[in-house]
C-alpha cells in the first residue's frame, strides 16, 4: 500500500478528516486508501506523520491499534 503522506502534500495543517479525504482524492489516492482515511476519528490532525501513525493503528486490527506490549500510556 502506498504511503499516505505522498497524497497529502498540499494539505495545510492542522486539518480535519474531511480535508484529508479531499486532498487525498485530489492527489489521486485509490479507493482503498480513501476508505482507510474515512475510518480515522473525526478530529484535527497536526501533520502527515500523525495521519500515517493513526492509519497504522487503524489497520493494526482490534484493540485500538495497540501492539503487543503497548500499555497505551
Protein backbone atom coordinates (compact mmCIF):
# COMPACT_ATOMS: atom_id res chain seq x y z
CA UNK A 1 0.00 0.00 0.00
CA UNK A 2 1.37 3.43 -0.89
CA UNK A 3 2.40 5.80 1.86
CA UNK A 4 -0.49 8.15 2.65
CA UNK A 5 1.93 11.05 3.03
CA UNK A 6 2.56 11.17 -0.72
CA UNK A 7 -1.11 12.08 -1.26
CA UNK A 8 -1.20 14.79 1.42
CA UNK A 9 1.49 17.14 0.14
CA UNK A 10 -0.97 20.00 -0.46
CA UNK A 11 -2.67 19.82 2.95
CA UNK A 12 -2.40 22.80 5.27
CA UNK A 13 -2.25 21.57 8.86
CA UNK A 14 -3.96 21.41 11.21
CA UNK A 15 -6.82 19.87 9.26
CA UNK A 16 -9.73 17.54 9.85
CA UNK A 17 -10.61 14.17 8.34
CA UNK A 18 -12.77 15.74 5.62
CA UNK A 19 -9.84 17.84 4.40
CA UNK A 20 -7.56 14.80 4.43
CA UNK A 21 -10.09 12.94 2.28
CA UNK A 22 -10.41 15.85 -0.16
CA UNK A 23 -6.66 16.24 -0.51
CA UNK A 24 -6.01 12.52 -0.92
CA UNK A 25 -8.74 12.21 -3.56
CA UNK A 26 -7.37 15.23 -5.43
CA UNK A 27 -3.90 13.71 -5.21
CA UNK A 28 -5.05 10.51 -6.88
CA UNK A 29 -5.35 8.17 -3.89
CA UNK A 30 -7.16 4.93 -4.60
CA UNK A 31 -10.40 3.71 -3.10
CA UNK A 32 -8.66 1.50 -0.54
CA UNK A 33 -6.64 4.38 0.91
CA UNK A 34 -9.64 6.72 0.84
CA UNK A 35 -11.61 4.09 2.72
CA UNK A 36 -8.88 3.84 5.35
CA UNK A 37 -8.81 7.62 5.73
CA UNK A 38 -12.57 7.55 6.18
CA UNK A 39 -12.15 5.34 9.25
CA UNK A 40 -10.00 7.89 11.07
CA UNK A 41 -11.50 9.57 14.13
CA UNK A 42 -13.08 12.96 13.42
CA UNK A 43 -10.54 15.35 14.93
CA UNK A 44 -7.82 17.76 13.83
CA UNK A 45 -4.53 16.31 12.62
CA UNK A 46 -1.34 18.32 13.02
CA UNK A 47 0.86 16.76 10.32
CA UNK A 48 1.08 13.97 7.74
CA UNK A 49 3.17 11.84 10.10
CA UNK A 50 0.32 11.91 12.64
CA UNK A 51 -2.09 10.73 9.94
CA UNK A 52 0.32 7.97 8.95
CA UNK A 53 0.67 6.77 12.56
CA UNK A 54 -3.08 6.91 13.11
CA UNK A 55 -3.71 4.85 9.98
CA UNK A 56 -1.14 2.32 11.15
CA UNK A 57 -3.17 1.98 14.34
CA UNK A 58 -6.46 1.71 12.46
CA UNK A 59 -5.14 -1.07 10.23
CA UNK A 60 -3.49 -2.99 13.06
CA UNK A 61 -6.85 -4.52 13.89
CA UNK A 62 -8.90 -4.66 17.05
CA UNK A 63 -7.52 -3.22 20.24
CA UNK A 64 -7.41 0.41 19.21
CA UNK A 65 -4.24 -0.05 17.20
CA UNK A 66 -2.13 -1.13 20.16
CA UNK A 67 0.65 -3.56 19.56
CA UNK A 68 1.62 -6.39 21.92
CA UNK A 69 3.35 -4.93 24.94
CA UNK A 70 1.91 -1.44 24.40
CA UNK A 71 0.35 -0.26 27.65
CA UNK A 72 -1.31 2.72 26.00
CA UNK A 73 0.35 5.17 28.37
